[in-house]
Structure formats: structure tokens, C-alpha cells
Amino acid sequence: MIEQLNMAVFHLINQYAGLNPFIDTLAILAAKYMPVVIILGMIYIWIRKGDKIRDIVLYGGYAAVLGLIMNFIISLFYFHPRPFMIPTGTLLFQYPAESSFPSDHTTLMLSLALMMVYFKETRIAGIILMILGFIGGFARVFCGVHFPMDIFGSFIVAVISTMLIFQFRDRLTPINNAVKWTYSKITGKLTGE
């Protein structure tokens, strides 16, 4: 039942792939490079905002790493083929034939964004990043490298990893302080301060 729904929604989204070169190009760019856009956004926030915001950015990084570790563990016990491995749908760019569930790209993007949403100081930025993350995940389905359930699974993993880091954030303070101290020393030397 779930697999049939997964396949039906995949075809509903992917059926438009390969029909319009402009839309295909936008989708490929979003599918491949949206994580880079989100990471650049996090770097911008790190540089432009204060000390407390830097803690939040670091928590987001920890949540992303934890989410990717969780994905790796899931892939050890559960293998789900990518659409082009079955084969079904239209593939817009070449991708390794490996387990599709859950999507590492989407887990990374949504973990970073969700952590920003948790804190009121970064909530608006987090919502923007979350929208971009879902666009990136949707684009990966459109391009034929993921199924919709892969993206949904990534969202669940991101929620769990973000909640765990949020719960244990006080224990991460020494690590945060060390990272921020190192950053201040490096930037101080670069600026001559």
C-alpha cells in the first residue's frame, strides 16, 4: 500500500521531467546545489550574527551530522532502490546506484533548517531554509533520483536528530566554546587584531 502510494506520487511529480529544458535545468540545480545554498546561508548567519546565534548554527551542524549518521545506520539494515534502478521514471542526471532511503541531501538541509526554527532568534531564517530544503528534496524527486518517501523519511530523521541535539545542547557548550574561540583566534590573526 505505502509502496504503491510512493510510486504513484513519484510518477505524479516526475512525469514532467524532460519536457521543458528550462524547468529541467532549474530542477537539476536545486537537486544538486540546494545543500550548498543552505550551507552558505548558515555561514552568512555565523559571520553576521552574534555569539548566541553561532551556538545555534553549531547545533544545526551537530544535528546534520547526527542525521547523516542515522541515515548510514538505516542504510545498513534497509535497502530501497532508486527510481532509475527499477527502472522507472525519467532521470535528469546520472547518480550512483545506491540505497535511496532516506535522502542524505534532504536530511542535511532539513536538520540545519529545523534547528534554526527551534530558536526564536533564528526562526525566520530557519523557515526560509526549511522551504529551500523542501524545494531541494522535491527537485530530487522531480529529477528521478529519489522517491517521495525518501524525502519524508529524511524529514523524520531530521526531526529526531534535531530534537536529540536540542535536548542535549547544554552538554555541547564546551565544544561550542572551543569552536568559537578557535574561530575568533583565526579571524583575529587574519584581521591583525
N, C-alpha and C. Protein backbone atom coordinates (compact mmCIF):
# COMPACT_ATOMS: atom_id res chain seq x y z
N MET A 1 0.83 -1.21 0.00
CA MET A 1 0.00 0.00 0.00
C MET A 1 0.87 1.27 0.00
N ILE A 2 1.81 1.34 0.96
CA ILE A 2 2.68 2.52 1.04
C ILE A 2 3.56 2.60 -0.20
N GLU A 3 4.08 1.45 -0.65
CA GLU A 3 4.95 1.44 -1.84
C GLU A 3 4.18 1.87 -3.09
N GLN A 4 2.91 1.47 -3.17
CA GLN A 4 2.09 1.88 -4.32
C GLN A 4 1.85 3.38 -4.29
N LEU A 5 1.58 3.91 -3.11
CA LEU A 5 1.39 5.36 -2.96
C LEU A 5 2.69 6.10 -3.29
N ASN A 6 3.81 5.57 -2.80
CA ASN A 6 5.12 6.14 -3.07
C ASN A 6 5.36 6.23 -4.58
N MET A 7 5.07 5.14 -5.28
CA MET A 7 5.27 5.08 -6.73
C MET A 7 4.32 6.04 -7.45
N ALA A 8 3.07 6.10 -7.00
CA ALA A 8 2.09 6.96 -7.66
C ALA A 8 2.47 8.43 -7.52
N VAL A 9 2.89 8.84 -6.32
CA VAL A 9 3.28 10.24 -6.10
C VAL A 9 4.57 10.54 -6.87
N PHE A 10 5.49 9.58 -6.91
CA PHE A 10 6.71 9.77 -7.70
C PHE A 10 6.36 10.08 -9.15
N HIS A 11 5.49 9.27 -9.75
CA HIS A 11 5.14 9.47 -11.16
C HIS A 11 4.36 10.76 -11.36
N LEU A 12 3.58 11.15 -10.36
CA LEU A 12 2.84 12.41 -10.44
C LEU A 12 3.81 13.59 -10.55
N ILE A 13 4.92 13.52 -9.81
CA ILE A 13 5.92 14.60 -9.82
C ILE A 13 6.88 14.46 -11.01
N ASN A 14 7.40 13.27 -11.21
CA ASN A 14 8.45 13.03 -12.20
C ASN A 14 7.94 13.03 -13.64
N GLN A 15 6.63 12.93 -13.84
CA GLN A 15 6.09 12.86 -15.21
C GLN A 15 6.41 14.11 -16.03
N TYR A 16 6.73 15.21 -15.36
CA TYR A 16 7.02 16.46 -16.07
C TYR A 16 8.50 16.62 -16.38
N ALA A 17 9.34 15.72 -15.86
CA ALA A 17 10.78 15.80 -16.13
C ALA A 17 11.05 15.50 -17.60
N GLY A 18 11.96 16.27 -18.18
CA GLY A 18 12.34 16.06 -19.57
C GLY A 18 11.45 16.75 -20.58
N LEU A 19 10.47 17.49 -20.12
CA LEU A 19 9.54 18.16 -21.04
C LEU A 19 9.92 19.59 -21.36
N ASN A 20 10.58 20.27 -20.40
CA ASN A 20 10.93 21.67 -20.58
C ASN A 20 12.38 21.87 -20.14
N PRO A 21 13.28 22.19 -21.06
CA PRO A 21 14.71 22.31 -20.69
C PRO A 21 14.97 23.33 -19.59
N PHE A 22 14.23 24.45 -19.59
CA PHE A 22 14.44 25.48 -18.56
C PHE A 22 14.06 24.94 -17.18
N ILE A 23 12.90 24.32 -17.06
CA ILE A 23 12.46 23.76 -15.78
C ILE A 23 13.39 22.63 -15.35
N ASP A 24 13.80 21.80 -16.32
CA ASP A 24 14.74 20.72 -16.00
C ASP A 24 16.04 21.27 -15.42
N THR A 25 16.56 22.34 -16.02
CA THR A 25 17.80 22.94 -15.54
C THR A 25 17.64 23.48 -14.13
N LEU A 26 16.53 24.18 -13.87
CA LEU A 26 16.26 24.68 -12.51
C LEU A 26 16.18 23.54 -11.51
N ALA A 27 15.50 22.47 -11.90
CA ALA A 27 15.34 21.32 -11.00
C ALA A 27 16.69 20.65 -10.73
N ILE A 28 17.50 20.50 -11.75
CA ILE A 28 18.82 19.88 -11.58
C ILE A 28 19.68 20.74 -10.66
N LEU A 29 19.67 22.05 -10.86
CA LEU A 29 20.44 22.95 -10.00
C LEU A 29 19.97 22.85 -8.55
N ALA A 30 18.63 22.84 -8.35
CA ALA A 30 18.09 22.73 -6.98
C ALA A 30 18.44 21.38 -6.37
N ALA A 31 18.31 20.31 -7.15
CA ALA A 31 18.58 18.97 -6.64
C ALA A 31 20.04 18.79 -6.24
N LYS A 32 20.94 19.34 -7.04
CA LYS A 32 22.37 19.16 -6.78
C LYS A 32 22.94 20.18 -5.79
N TYR A 33 22.50 21.43 -5.90
CA TYR A 33 23.21 22.51 -5.20
C TYR A 33 22.45 23.21 -4.08
N MET A 34 21.21 22.81 -3.81
CA MET A 34 20.49 23.46 -2.71
C MET A 34 21.20 23.26 -1.36
N PRO A 35 21.81 22.09 -1.09
CA PRO A 35 22.56 22.00 0.17
C PRO A 35 23.67 23.04 0.27
N VAL A 36 24.32 23.34 -0.84
CA VAL A 36 25.39 24.35 -0.84
C VAL A 36 24.80 25.72 -0.51
N VAL A 37 23.64 26.04 -1.09
CA VAL A 37 22.97 27.32 -0.81
C VAL A 37 22.65 27.42 0.68
N ILE A 38 22.14 26.35 1.25
CA ILE A 38 21.77 26.37 2.67
C ILE A 38 23.02 26.49 3.55
N ILE A 39 24.08 25.77 3.22
CA ILE A 39 25.32 25.88 4.00
C ILE A 39 25.90 27.29 3.89
N LEU A 40 25.86 27.88 2.70
CA LEU A 40 26.33 29.27 2.55
C LEU A 40 25.47 30.22 3.39
N GLY A 41 24.16 29.96 3.45
CA GLY A 41 23.28 30.75 4.31
C GLY A 41 23.68 30.63 5.77
N MET A 42 24.03 29.43 6.20
CA MET A 42 24.46 29.22 7.59
C MET A 42 25.78 29.94 7.85
N ILE A 43 26.68 29.91 6.89
CA ILE A 43 27.96 30.61 7.04
C ILE A 43 27.73 32.12 7.15
N TYR A 44 26.83 32.64 6.32
CA TYR A 44 26.49 34.06 6.38
C TYR A 44 25.94 34.43 7.76
N ILE A 45 25.02 33.59 8.26
CA ILE A 45 24.44 33.84 9.59
C ILE A 45 25.53 33.80 10.65
N TRP A 46 26.43 32.84 10.54
CA TRP A 46 27.54 32.71 11.50
C TRP A 46 28.39 33.98 11.52
N ILE A 47 28.72 34.50 10.35
CA ILE A 47 29.60 35.66 10.25
C ILE A 47 28.91 36.94 10.70
N ARG A 48 27.63 37.09 10.32
CA ARG A 48 26.93 38.36 10.53
C ARG A 48 26.28 38.51 11.91
N LYS A 49 26.02 37.43 12.58
CA LYS A 49 25.24 37.50 13.83
C LYS A 49 26.14 37.31 15.04
N GLY A 50 25.55 37.39 16.23
CA GLY A 50 26.31 37.34 17.48
C GLY A 50 26.61 35.94 17.99
N ASP A 51 27.13 35.91 19.20
CA ASP A 51 27.63 34.70 19.83
C ASP A 51 26.54 33.64 20.03
N LYS A 52 25.35 34.04 20.48
CA LYS A 52 24.27 33.08 20.70
C LYS A 52 23.82 32.44 19.39
N ILE A 53 23.81 33.23 18.33
CA ILE A 53 23.43 32.71 17.02
C ILE A 53 24.46 31.69 16.54
N ARG A 54 25.72 31.93 16.86
CA ARG A 54 26.76 30.97 16.48
C ARG A 54 26.54 29.63 17.18
N ASP A 55 26.07 29.67 18.43
CA ASP A 55 25.72 28.42 19.11
C ASP A 55 24.64 27.67 18.34
N ILE A 56 23.63 28.39 17.88
CA ILE A 56 22.52 27.76 17.15
C ILE A 56 23.02 27.15 15.84
N VAL A 57 23.89 27.88 15.13
CA VAL A 57 24.46 27.36 13.89
C VAL A 57 25.23 26.07 14.17
N LEU A 58 26.01 26.05 15.25
CA LEU A 58 26.75 24.83 15.60
C LEU A 58 25.80 23.69 15.95
N TYR A 59 24.73 23.98 16.69
CA TYR A 59 23.74 22.94 17.00
C TYR A 59 23.16 22.36 15.70
N GLY A 60 22.90 23.24 14.74
CA GLY A 60 22.40 22.77 13.44
C GLY A 60 23.40 21.85 12.76
N GLY A 61 24.68 22.20 12.84
CA GLY A 61 25.71 21.34 12.27
C GLY A 61 25.76 19.98 12.95
N TYR A 62 25.64 19.98 14.28
CA TYR A 62 25.63 18.70 15.01
C TYR A 62 24.41 17.86 14.61
N ALA A 63 23.26 18.52 14.48
CA ALA A 63 22.04 17.80 14.10
C ALA A 63 22.19 17.20 12.70
N ALA A 64 22.81 17.95 11.79
CA ALA A 64 23.02 17.44 10.43
C ALA A 64 23.93 16.22 10.43
N VAL A 65 25.03 16.30 11.19
CA VAL A 65 25.95 15.17 11.28
C VAL A 65 25.25 13.95 11.90
N LEU A 66 24.51 14.18 12.98
CA LEU A 66 23.78 13.08 13.61
C LEU A 66 22.76 12.48 12.64
N GLY A 67 22.06 13.32 11.90
CA GLY A 67 21.10 12.84 10.91
C GLY A 67 21.76 11.99 9.84
N LEU A 68 22.92 12.40 9.37
CA LEU A 68 23.64 11.63 8.34
C LEU A 68 24.13 10.29 8.91
N ILE A 69 24.54 10.29 10.17
CA ILE A 69 24.92 9.03 10.82
C ILE A 69 23.71 8.10 10.92
N MET A 70 22.57 8.66 11.29
CA MET A 70 21.34 7.87 11.37
C MET A 70 20.99 7.30 9.99
N ASN A 71 21.13 8.10 8.95
CA ASN A 71 20.88 7.62 7.58
C ASN A 71 21.78 6.44 7.24
N PHE A 72 23.06 6.57 7.60
CA PHE A 72 24.01 5.50 7.33
C PHE A 72 23.60 4.21 8.03
N ILE A 73 23.19 4.32 9.28
CA ILE A 73 22.75 3.13 10.03
C ILE A 73 21.51 2.53 9.39
N ILE A 74 20.56 3.37 8.99
CA ILE A 74 19.35 2.87 8.31
C ILE A 74 19.74 2.11 7.05
N SER A 75 20.68 2.66 6.29
CA SER A 75 21.07 2.02 5.03
C SER A 75 21.75 0.67 5.24
N LEU A 76 22.31 0.43 6.43
CA LEU A 76 22.91 -0.86 6.73
C LEU A 76 21.86 -1.96 6.88
N PHE A 77 20.66 -1.55 7.30
CA PHE A 77 19.60 -2.52 7.58
C PHE A 77 18.47 -2.53 6.57
N TYR A 78 18.38 -1.45 5.79
CA TYR A 78 17.27 -1.36 4.83
C TYR A 78 17.77 -0.79 3.52
N PHE A 79 17.53 -1.52 2.45
CA PHE A 79 17.91 -1.05 1.12
C PHE A 79 16.66 -0.79 0.30
N HIS A 80 16.59 0.40 -0.27
CA HIS A 80 15.49 0.72 -1.20
C HIS A 80 16.12 1.25 -2.47
N PRO A 81 15.81 0.64 -3.63
CA PRO A 81 16.42 1.10 -4.88
C PRO A 81 15.95 2.49 -5.27
N ARG A 82 16.80 3.18 -5.99
CA ARG A 82 16.42 4.47 -6.56
C ARG A 82 15.52 4.21 -7.76
N PRO A 83 14.74 5.22 -8.17
CA PRO A 83 13.81 5.01 -9.29
C PRO A 83 14.47 4.45 -10.55
N PHE A 84 15.64 4.97 -10.90
CA PHE A 84 16.30 4.54 -12.14
C PHE A 84 16.85 3.12 -12.03
N MET A 85 16.92 2.56 -10.82
CA MET A 85 17.41 1.20 -10.64
C MET A 85 16.31 0.17 -10.90
N ILE A 86 15.06 0.61 -10.87
CA ILE A 86 13.94 -0.34 -11.01
C ILE A 86 13.79 -0.86 -12.44
N PRO A 87 13.85 -0.16 -13.50
CA PRO A 87 13.87 1.29 -13.69
C PRO A 87 12.45 1.84 -13.88
N THR A 88 12.28 3.09 -13.44
CA THR A 88 11.03 3.79 -13.66
C THR A 88 11.30 5.28 -13.69
N GLY A 89 10.46 6.02 -14.37
CA GLY A 89 10.56 7.47 -14.42
C GLY A 89 11.63 7.97 -15.37
N THR A 90 11.81 9.29 -15.33
CA THR A 90 12.80 9.97 -16.17
C THR A 90 13.92 10.47 -15.28
N LEU A 91 15.15 10.10 -15.61
CA LEU A 91 16.33 10.52 -14.86
C LEU A 91 16.97 11.70 -15.57
N LEU A 92 17.15 12.82 -14.86
CA LEU A 92 17.70 14.03 -15.47
C LEU A 92 19.21 14.17 -15.32
N PHE A 93 19.81 13.45 -14.37
CA PHE A 93 21.27 13.45 -14.26
C PHE A 93 21.73 12.12 -13.67
N GLN A 94 22.96 11.75 -13.99
CA GLN A 94 23.49 10.48 -13.52
C GLN A 94 23.74 10.53 -12.02
N TYR A 95 23.48 9.39 -11.37
CA TYR A 95 23.65 9.31 -9.92
C TYR A 95 24.04 7.89 -9.56
N PRO A 96 24.85 7.71 -8.50
CA PRO A 96 25.25 6.35 -8.12
C PRO A 96 24.05 5.46 -7.77
N ALA A 97 24.15 4.20 -8.13
CA ALA A 97 23.08 3.24 -7.83
C ALA A 97 23.28 2.71 -6.42
N GLU A 98 22.71 3.42 -5.46
CA GLU A 98 22.80 3.06 -4.05
C GLU A 98 21.43 3.21 -3.41
N SER A 99 21.32 2.83 -2.15
CA SER A 99 20.03 2.93 -1.47
C SER A 99 19.53 4.37 -1.46
N SER A 100 18.24 4.51 -1.69
CA SER A 100 17.67 5.86 -1.79
C SER A 100 17.08 6.37 -0.48
N PHE A 101 16.84 5.47 0.47
CA PHE A 101 16.11 5.85 1.68
C PHE A 101 17.02 5.87 2.89
N PRO A 102 16.97 6.98 3.63
CA PRO A 102 16.44 8.31 3.31
C PRO A 102 17.46 9.14 2.54
N SER A 103 17.04 10.28 2.05
CA SER A 103 17.91 11.16 1.26
C SER A 103 18.90 11.90 2.15
N ASP A 104 20.20 11.68 1.91
CA ASP A 104 21.22 12.40 2.69
C ASP A 104 21.16 13.90 2.45
N HIS A 105 20.99 14.30 1.18
CA HIS A 105 20.91 15.74 0.86
C HIS A 105 19.79 16.40 1.66
N THR A 106 18.62 15.77 1.65
CA THR A 106 17.46 16.37 2.31
C THR A 106 17.61 16.34 3.83
N THR A 107 18.18 15.27 4.36
CA THR A 107 18.42 15.20 5.81
C THR A 107 19.34 16.33 6.24
N LEU A 108 20.41 16.55 5.49
CA LEU A 108 21.34 17.64 5.80
C LEU A 108 20.62 18.99 5.81
N MET A 109 19.89 19.26 4.73
CA MET A 109 19.22 20.56 4.60
C MET A 109 18.19 20.78 5.70
N LEU A 110 17.35 19.77 5.95
CA LEU A 110 16.26 19.95 6.91
C LEU A 110 16.76 19.95 8.35
N SER A 111 17.84 19.23 8.65
CA SER A 111 18.40 19.27 10.01
C SER A 111 18.91 20.66 10.34
N LEU A 112 19.64 21.25 9.40
CA LEU A 112 20.14 22.61 9.61
C LEU A 112 18.98 23.59 9.78
N ALA A 113 17.98 23.47 8.92
CA ALA A 113 16.85 24.41 8.95
C ALA A 113 16.01 24.24 10.21
N LEU A 114 15.73 22.99 10.59
CA LEU A 114 14.89 22.75 11.76
C LEU A 114 15.51 23.31 13.03
N MET A 115 16.82 23.19 13.16
CA MET A 115 17.47 23.74 14.36
C MET A 115 17.28 25.25 14.40
N MET A 116 17.36 25.89 13.26
CA MET A 116 17.14 27.34 13.23
C MET A 116 15.70 27.69 13.60
N VAL A 117 14.77 26.83 13.22
CA VAL A 117 13.35 27.08 13.53
C VAL A 117 13.09 26.97 15.03
N TYR A 118 13.81 26.10 15.74
CA TYR A 118 13.61 25.89 17.17
C TYR A 118 13.81 27.16 18.00
N PHE A 119 14.70 28.03 17.55
CA PHE A 119 15.05 29.21 18.34
C PHE A 119 14.41 30.45 17.73
N LYS A 120 13.80 31.29 18.58
CA LYS A 120 13.09 32.46 18.07
C LYS A 120 14.04 33.45 17.38
N GLU A 121 15.31 33.49 17.81
CA GLU A 121 16.28 34.41 17.21
C GLU A 121 16.56 34.09 15.73
N THR A 122 16.38 32.84 15.37
CA THR A 122 16.70 32.42 14.00
C THR A 122 15.50 31.81 13.28
N ARG A 123 14.33 31.97 13.84
CA ARG A 123 13.14 31.28 13.30
C ARG A 123 12.83 31.68 11.86
N ILE A 124 12.88 32.97 11.54
CA ILE A 124 12.55 33.40 10.18
C ILE A 124 13.56 32.82 9.18
N ALA A 125 14.84 32.92 9.53
CA ALA A 125 15.87 32.32 8.67
C ALA A 125 15.65 30.81 8.55
N GLY A 126 15.28 30.17 9.65
CA GLY A 126 15.03 28.74 9.64
C GLY A 126 13.88 28.35 8.73
N ILE A 127 12.81 29.14 8.75
CA ILE A 127 11.66 28.85 7.88
C ILE A 127 12.06 29.00 6.42
N ILE A 128 12.83 30.04 6.11
CA ILE A 128 13.30 30.21 4.72
C ILE A 128 14.16 29.03 4.31
N LEU A 129 15.09 28.62 5.18
CA LEU A 129 15.95 27.48 4.88
C LEU A 129 15.14 26.19 4.77
N MET A 130 14.09 26.06 5.58
CA MET A 130 13.24 24.86 5.52
C MET A 130 12.52 24.79 4.16
N ILE A 131 12.02 25.93 3.71
CA ILE A 131 11.36 25.97 2.39
C ILE A 131 12.35 25.58 1.30
N LEU A 132 13.56 26.14 1.38
CA LEU A 132 14.59 25.79 0.40
C LEU A 132 14.94 24.30 0.46
N GLY A 133 14.98 23.75 1.68
CA GLY A 133 15.27 22.33 1.85
C GLY A 133 14.21 21.45 1.22
N PHE A 134 12.94 21.81 1.40
CA PHE A 134 11.87 21.03 0.78
C PHE A 134 11.89 21.18 -0.74
N ILE A 135 12.23 22.38 -1.22
CA ILE A 135 12.37 22.56 -2.68
C ILE A 135 13.48 21.66 -3.21
N GLY A 136 14.60 21.61 -2.50
CA GLY A 136 15.69 20.73 -2.89
C GLY A 136 15.27 19.26 -2.90
N GLY A 137 14.53 18.84 -1.87
CA GLY A 137 14.04 17.47 -1.81
C GLY A 137 13.06 17.16 -2.92
N PHE A 138 12.14 18.07 -3.17
CA PHE A 138 11.16 17.92 -4.25
C PHE A 138 11.88 17.81 -5.59
N ALA A 139 12.92 18.63 -5.78
CA ALA A 139 13.69 18.62 -7.03
C ALA A 139 14.36 17.27 -7.24
N ARG A 140 14.79 16.64 -6.17
CA ARG A 140 15.43 15.33 -6.29
C ARG A 140 14.44 14.27 -6.75
N VAL A 141 13.18 14.41 -6.34
CA VAL A 141 12.13 13.51 -6.84
C VAL A 141 11.86 13.83 -8.30
N PHE A 142 11.71 15.10 -8.61
CA PHE A 142 11.44 15.54 -9.99
C PHE A 142 12.53 15.02 -10.93
N CYS A 143 13.79 15.06 -10.49
CA CYS A 143 14.91 14.65 -11.34
C CYS A 143 15.08 13.13 -11.43
N GLY A 144 14.30 12.38 -10.65
CA GLY A 144 14.32 10.93 -10.76
C GLY A 144 15.37 10.21 -9.94
N VAL A 145 15.97 10.88 -8.93
CA VAL A 145 16.97 10.20 -8.11
C VAL A 145 16.44 9.75 -6.75
N HIS A 146 15.22 10.21 -6.40
CA HIS A 146 14.60 9.82 -5.13
C HIS A 146 13.11 9.60 -5.31
N PHE A 147 12.56 8.83 -4.38
CA PHE A 147 11.11 8.67 -4.26
C PHE A 147 10.61 9.64 -3.20
N PRO A 148 9.33 9.98 -3.21
CA PRO A 148 8.77 10.87 -2.18
C PRO A 148 8.99 10.36 -0.75
N MET A 149 8.89 9.04 -0.54
CA MET A 149 9.09 8.50 0.81
C MET A 149 10.52 8.70 1.30
N ASP A 150 11.47 8.80 0.38
CA ASP A 150 12.86 9.09 0.77
C ASP A 150 12.94 10.47 1.41
N ILE A 151 12.20 11.40 0.84
CA ILE A 151 12.19 12.78 1.35
C ILE A 151 11.45 12.84 2.68
N PHE A 152 10.32 12.14 2.75
CA PHE A 152 9.56 12.09 4.01
C PHE A 152 10.41 11.44 5.11
N GLY A 153 11.10 10.36 4.76
CA GLY A 153 11.99 9.70 5.72
C GLY A 153 13.09 10.63 6.21
N SER A 154 13.61 11.43 5.31
CA SER A 154 14.64 12.41 5.67
C SER A 154 14.10 13.43 6.65
N PHE A 155 12.87 13.85 6.43
CA PHE A 155 12.24 14.81 7.35
C PHE A 155 12.14 14.21 8.75
N ILE A 156 11.70 12.94 8.83
CA ILE A 156 11.58 12.28 10.14
C ILE A 156 12.95 12.17 10.81
N VAL A 157 13.97 11.76 10.06
CA VAL A 157 15.32 11.67 10.61
C VAL A 157 15.79 13.05 11.08
N ALA A 158 15.53 14.08 10.29
CA ALA A 158 15.94 15.44 10.67
C ALA A 158 15.24 15.89 11.95
N VAL A 159 13.96 15.58 12.08
CA VAL A 159 13.23 15.94 13.30
C VAL A 159 13.85 15.24 14.50
N ILE A 160 14.13 13.95 14.38
CA ILE A 160 14.69 13.19 15.51
C ILE A 160 16.09 13.70 15.86
N SER A 161 16.95 13.88 14.86
CA SER A 161 18.32 14.33 15.15
C SER A 161 18.32 15.73 15.75
N THR A 162 17.44 16.58 15.26
CA THR A 162 17.38 17.95 15.78
C THR A 162 16.85 17.97 17.21
N MET A 163 15.83 17.14 17.48
CA MET A 163 15.30 17.07 18.85
C MET A 163 16.36 16.55 19.82
N LEU A 164 17.12 15.55 19.40
CA LEU A 164 18.16 15.00 20.28
C LEU A 164 19.23 16.04 20.59
N ILE A 165 19.71 16.73 19.57
CA ILE A 165 20.73 17.76 19.80
C ILE A 165 20.16 18.88 20.65
N PHE A 166 18.91 19.27 20.38
CA PHE A 166 18.28 20.33 21.17
C PHE A 166 18.21 19.93 22.65
N GLN A 167 17.86 18.67 22.92
CA GLN A 167 17.74 18.19 24.30
C GLN A 167 19.09 18.19 25.02
N PHE A 168 20.16 17.89 24.29
CA PHE A 168 21.49 17.77 24.90
C PHE A 168 22.38 18.97 24.60
N ARG A 169 21.78 20.10 24.19
CA ARG A 169 22.57 21.25 23.77
C ARG A 169 23.47 21.79 24.88
N ASP A 170 23.03 21.72 26.15
CA ASP A 170 23.86 22.25 27.24
C ASP A 170 25.16 21.47 27.38
N ARG A 171 25.13 20.19 27.07
CA ARG A 171 26.34 19.37 27.17
C ARG A 171 27.33 19.67 26.03
N LEU A 172 26.84 20.35 25.00
CA LEU A 172 27.69 20.69 23.86
C LEU A 172 28.37 22.05 24.02
N THR A 173 28.08 22.75 25.11
CA THR A 173 28.64 24.08 25.34
C THR A 173 30.17 24.10 25.30
N PRO A 174 30.86 23.15 25.93
CA PRO A 174 32.33 23.19 25.84
C PRO A 174 32.85 23.08 24.40
N ILE A 175 32.20 22.25 23.59
CA ILE A 175 32.61 22.11 22.19
C ILE A 175 32.35 23.43 21.45
N ASN A 176 31.16 24.00 21.68
CA ASN A 176 30.83 25.28 21.05
C ASN A 176 31.85 26.35 21.42
N ASN A 177 32.17 26.42 22.70
CA ASN A 177 33.12 27.44 23.16
C ASN A 177 34.49 27.26 22.50
N ALA A 178 34.93 26.01 22.36
CA ALA A 178 36.22 25.74 21.72
C ALA A 178 36.19 26.14 20.24
N VAL A 179 35.10 25.83 19.55
CA VAL A 179 34.98 26.19 18.13
C VAL A 179 34.95 27.71 17.97
N LYS A 180 34.16 28.39 18.81
CA LYS A 180 34.06 29.85 18.70
C LYS A 180 35.38 30.52 19.07
N TRP A 181 36.10 29.99 20.07
CA TRP A 181 37.39 30.54 20.46
C TRP A 181 38.38 30.39 19.31
N THR A 182 38.41 29.20 18.69
CA THR A 182 39.31 28.95 17.55
C THR A 182 38.98 29.90 16.40
N TYR A 183 37.69 30.07 16.13
CA TYR A 183 37.26 30.97 15.06
C TYR A 183 37.73 32.40 15.35
N SER A 184 37.56 32.85 16.60
CA SER A 184 37.95 34.23 16.94
C SER A 184 39.47 34.41 16.82
N LYS A 185 40.24 33.38 17.18
CA LYS A 185 41.70 33.48 17.06
C LYS A 185 42.11 33.54 15.58
N ILE A 186 41.49 32.70 14.76
CA ILE A 186 41.82 32.69 13.31
C ILE A 186 41.45 34.02 12.67
N THR A 187 40.24 34.49 12.93
CA THR A 187 39.81 35.76 12.31
C THR A 187 40.58 36.93 12.88
N GLY A 188 40.97 36.86 14.15
CA GLY A 188 41.78 37.92 14.75
C GLY A 188 43.14 38.03 14.08
N LYS A 189 43.75 36.88 13.76
CA LYS A 189 45.04 36.89 13.09
C LYS A 189 44.90 37.40 11.65
N LEU A 190 43.79 37.03 11.01
CA LEU A 190 43.58 37.49 9.64
C LEU A 190 43.36 38.98 9.54
N THR A 191 42.69 39.54 10.56
CA THR A 191 42.40 40.98 10.54
C THR A 191 43.46 41.79 11.28
N GLY A 192 44.45 41.10 11.87
CA GLY A 192 45.52 41.80 12.57
C GLY A 192 45.14 42.29 13.93
N GLU A 193 44.09 41.76 14.53
CA GLU A 193 43.66 42.20 15.87
C GLU A 193 44.33 41.38 16.95
